[in-house]
C-alpha atoms as a PDB file:
ATOM      1  CA  MET A   1       0.000   0.000   0.000  1.00  0.00           C
ATOM      2  CA  SER A   2       1.342   3.401  -0.934  1.00  0.00           C
ATOM      3  CA  TYR A   3       1.154   6.455   1.243  1.00  0.00           C
ATOM      4  CA  THR A   4      -0.393   9.708   0.064  1.00  0.00           C
ATOM      5  CA  ILE A   5       2.939  11.537   0.221  1.00  0.00           C
ATOM      6  CA  ASN A   6       4.454   9.050  -2.232  1.00  0.00           C
ATOM      7  CA  LYS A   7       1.542   9.681  -4.596  1.00  0.00           C
ATOM      8  CA  ALA A   8       2.079  13.415  -4.170  1.00  0.00           C
ATOM      9  CA  TYR A   9       5.745  12.933  -5.063  1.00  0.00           C
ATOM     10  CA  SER A  10       4.562  11.134  -8.211  1.00  0.00           C
ATOM     11  CA  GLU A  11       2.411  14.095  -9.197  1.00  0.00           C
ATOM     12  CA  VAL A  12       5.185  16.558  -8.383  1.00  0.00           C
ATOM     13  CA  TYR A  13       7.722  14.535 -10.362  1.00  0.00           C
ATOM     14  CA  ASP A  14       5.410  14.488 -13.377  1.00  0.00           C
ATOM     15  CA  ILE A  15       4.809  18.228 -13.150  1.00  0.00           C
ATOM     16  CA  ILE A  16       8.513  19.005 -12.744  1.00  0.00           C
ATOM     17  CA  ASN A  17       9.250  16.972 -15.845  1.00  0.00           C
ATOM     18  CA  HIS A  18       6.744  19.047 -17.811  1.00  0.00           C
ATOM     19  CA  LEU A  19       8.283  22.387 -16.798  1.00  0.00           C
ATOM     20  CA  GLU A  20       9.954  24.643 -19.315  1.00  0.00           C
ATOM     21  CA  PRO A  21      13.715  23.964 -19.354  1.00  0.00           C
ATOM     22  CA  GLU A  22      14.658  27.306 -17.759  1.00  0.00           C
ATOM     23  CA  LEU A  23      12.367  26.603 -14.779  1.00  0.00           C
ATOM     24  CA  TYR A  24      13.457  22.976 -14.517  1.00  0.00           C
ATOM     25  CA  LYS A  25      17.101  24.054 -14.278  1.00  0.00           C
ATOM     26  CA  LYS A  26      16.321  26.198 -11.214  1.00  0.00           C
ATOM     27  CA  ILE A  27      15.389  23.135  -9.162  1.00  0.00           C
ATOM     28  CA  PRO A  28      18.405  21.342  -7.672  1.00  0.00           C
ATOM     29  CA  LYS A  29      19.145  18.013  -9.319  1.00  0.00           C
ATOM     30  CA  GLU A  30      19.440  16.349  -5.884  1.00  0.00           C
ATOM     31  CA  PHE A  31      15.943  17.540  -4.975  1.00  0.00           C
ATOM     32  CA  ILE A  32      14.467  16.078  -8.147  1.00  0.00           C
ATOM     33  CA  GLU A  33      16.331  12.814  -7.508  1.00  0.00           C
ATOM     34  CA  LYS A  34      14.833  12.593  -3.980  1.00  0.00           C
ATOM     35  CA  ILE A  35      11.359  13.170  -5.379  1.00  0.00           C
ATOM     36  CA  ASP A  36      12.001  10.431  -7.946  1.00  0.00           C
ATOM     37  CA  GLU A  37      13.327   7.993  -5.320  1.00  0.00           C
ATOM     38  CA  ASN A  38      10.330   8.472  -3.035  1.00  0.00           C
ATOM     39  CA  ARG A  39       7.491   8.617  -5.535  1.00  0.00           C
ATOM     40  CA  ASP A  40       4.983   5.822  -6.012  1.00  0.00           C
ATOM     41  CA  LYS A  41       6.002   4.512  -9.416  1.00  0.00           C
ATOM     42  CA  LYS A  42       2.801   2.445  -9.632  1.00  0.00           C
ATOM     43  CA  PHE A  43       0.545   5.454  -9.086  1.00  0.00           C
ATOM     44  CA  ASN A  44      -1.159   6.593 -12.282  1.00  0.00           C
ATOM     45  CA  VAL A  45      -0.672  10.360 -12.505  1.00  0.00           C
ATOM     46  CA  ASN A  46      -3.581  11.941 -14.329  1.00  0.00           C
ATOM     47  CA  ILE A  47      -2.737  15.555 -15.117  1.00  0.00           C
ATOM     48  CA  ASP A  48      -4.204  17.408 -18.074  1.00  0.00           C
ATOM     49  CA  TYR A  49      -1.486  19.798 -19.204  1.00  0.00           C
ATOM     50  CA  SER A  50      -3.907  21.674 -21.431  1.00  0.00           C
ATOM     51  CA  LYS A  51      -5.348  23.099 -18.176  1.00  0.00           C
ATOM     52  CA  SER A  52      -3.802  25.283 -15.501  1.00  0.00           C
ATOM     53  CA  ILE A  53      -2.337  23.555 -12.443  1.00  0.00           C
ATOM     54  CA  ASN A  54      -4.921  25.452 -10.390  1.00  0.00           C
ATOM     55  CA  ASP A  55      -7.679  23.726 -12.364  1.00  0.00           C
ATOM     56  CA  GLN A  56      -6.332  20.245 -11.618  1.00  0.00           C
ATOM     57  CA  GLU A  57      -7.543  17.849  -8.953  1.00  0.00           C
ATOM     58  CA  LEU A  58      -4.186  17.426  -7.273  1.00  0.00           C
ATOM     59  CA  LEU A  59      -3.498  15.981  -3.854  1.00  0.00           C
ATOM     60  CA  LYS A  60      -3.186  18.523  -1.050  1.00  0.00           C
ATOM     61  CA  ASP A  61       0.402  17.403  -0.393  1.00  0.00           C
ATOM     62  CA  THR A  62       1.207  17.941  -4.078  1.00  0.00           C
ATOM     63  CA  ARG A  63       0.059  21.547  -3.858  1.00  0.00           C
ATOM     64  CA  ILE A  64       2.102  22.094  -0.690  1.00  0.00           C
ATOM     65  CA  ILE A  65       5.258  20.661  -2.286  1.00  0.00           C
ATOM     66  CA  LEU A  66       4.731  22.686  -5.468  1.00  0.00           C
ATOM     67  CA  SER A  67       4.307  25.838  -3.391  1.00  0.00           C
ATOM     68  CA  ALA A  68       7.580  25.141  -1.598  1.00  0.00           C
ATOM     69  CA  ILE A  69       9.359  24.486  -4.902  1.00  0.00           C
ATOM     70  CA  TYR A  70       8.031  27.754  -6.310  1.00  0.00           C
ATOM     71  CA  ARG A  71       9.018  29.691  -3.187  1.00  0.00           C
ATOM     72  CA  ASP A  72      12.444  28.149  -2.706  1.00  0.00           C
ATOM     73  CA  TYR A  73      13.685  27.712  -6.271  1.00  0.00           C
ATOM     74  CA  ILE A  74      11.634  29.429  -8.956  1.00  0.00           C
ATOM     75  CA  CYS A  75      10.384  32.827  -7.839  1.00  0.00           C
ATOM     76  CA  SER A  76      12.423  36.015  -7.491  1.00  0.00           C
ATOM     77  CA  LYS A  77      14.123  36.947  -4.199  1.00  0.00           C
ATOM     78  CA  GLU A  78      11.581  39.708  -3.648  1.00  0.00           C
ATOM     79  CA  LYS A  79       8.636  37.379  -4.189  1.00  0.00           C
ATOM     80  CA  ARG A  80      10.283  34.762  -1.934  1.00  0.00           C
ATOM     81  CA  GLN A  81      10.574  37.293   0.904  1.00  0.00           C
ATOM     82  CA  GLU A  82       6.934  38.285   0.418  1.00  0.00           C
ATOM     83  CA  LEU A  83       5.809  34.645   0.508  1.00  0.00           C
ATOM     84  CA  ILE A  84       7.878  33.915   3.608  1.00  0.00           C
ATOM     85  CA  LYS A  85       6.402  36.986   5.323  1.00  0.00           C
ATOM     86  CA  ASN A  86       2.867  35.862   4.398  1.00  0.00           C
ATOM     87  CA  ASP A  87       3.613  32.336   5.669  1.00  0.00           C
ATOM     88  CA  ARG A  88       4.752  33.748   9.010  1.00  0.00           C
ATOM     89  CA  ILE A  89       1.595  35.849   9.304  1.00  0.00           C
ATOM     90  CA  GLU A  90      -0.636  32.846   8.539  1.00  0.00           C
ATOM     91  CA  LEU A  91       1.253  30.616  10.981  1.00  0.00           C
ATOM     92  CA  ALA A  92       0.916  33.279  13.681  1.00  0.00           C
ATOM     93  CA  LYS A  93      -2.852  33.414  13.059  1.00  0.00           C
ATOM     94  CA  LEU A  94      -3.101  29.622  13.321  1.00  0.00           C
ATOM     95  CA  ASP A  95      -1.000  29.618  16.469  1.00  0.00           C
ATOM     96  CA  LYS A  96      -3.175  32.323  18.028  1.00  0.00           C
ATOM     97  CA  ALA A  97      -6.355  30.399  17.196  1.00  0.00           C
ATOM     98  CA  LYS A  98      -4.921  27.191  18.702  1.00  0.00           C
ATOM     99  CA  ARG A  99      -3.785  29.071  21.802  1.00  0.00           C
ATOM    100  CA  GLU A 100      -7.264  30.521  22.260  1.00  0.00           C
ATOM    101  CA  LYS A 101      -8.903  27.141  21.777  1.00  0.00           C
ATOM    102  CA  TYR A 102      -6.439  25.157  23.865  1.00  0.00           C
ATOM    103  CA  ASN A 103      -5.179  27.850  26.225  1.00  0.00           C
ATOM    104  CA  PRO A 104      -2.718  26.133  28.574  1.00  0.00           C
ATOM    105  CA  ASP A 105      -3.473  28.713  31.273  1.00  0.00           C
ATOM    106  CA  ASP A 106      -7.141  27.650  31.316  1.00  0.00           C
ATOM    107  CA  LEU A 107      -6.536  23.950  30.822  1.00  0.00           C
ATOM    108  CA  PHE A 108      -6.914  23.019  34.464  1.00  0.00           C
ATOM    109  CA  LYS A 109      -9.569  25.638  35.252  1.00  0.00           C
ATOM    110  CA  ARG A 110     -12.053  23.819  33.012  1.00  0.00           C
ATOM    111  CA  ARG A 111     -11.586  20.495  34.764  1.00  0.00           C
ATOM    112  CA  LYS A 112     -14.047  19.710  37.524  1.00  0.00           C
ATOM    113  CA  ILE A 113     -12.472  18.826  40.813  1.00  0.00           C
ATOM    114  CA  ASN A 114     -13.796  15.596  42.295  1.00  0.00           C
END
């Protein structure tokens, strides 16, 4: 049985291999090799390259990996800094929401004392 991440690697590997040569060259060879080594080679990738990637039914992990590839290897330095800043803001929002929901200061206040 194959794990979802291995299927995502299969989709990512297929997409990388359909990139224009100048974009493909921006991705480190070692990174592509790791994707290749860990992908599910039995998984049937079904991507319609006549459509935008955004219009595809890709796995969630595939989209996450593609976003990281774009941020770390393909986009400009300015765009990378903007994306990193936005990621930090979103993570802070998630952290704040978790803290409010699972506030460690209130954790024992909610428990009834027997």
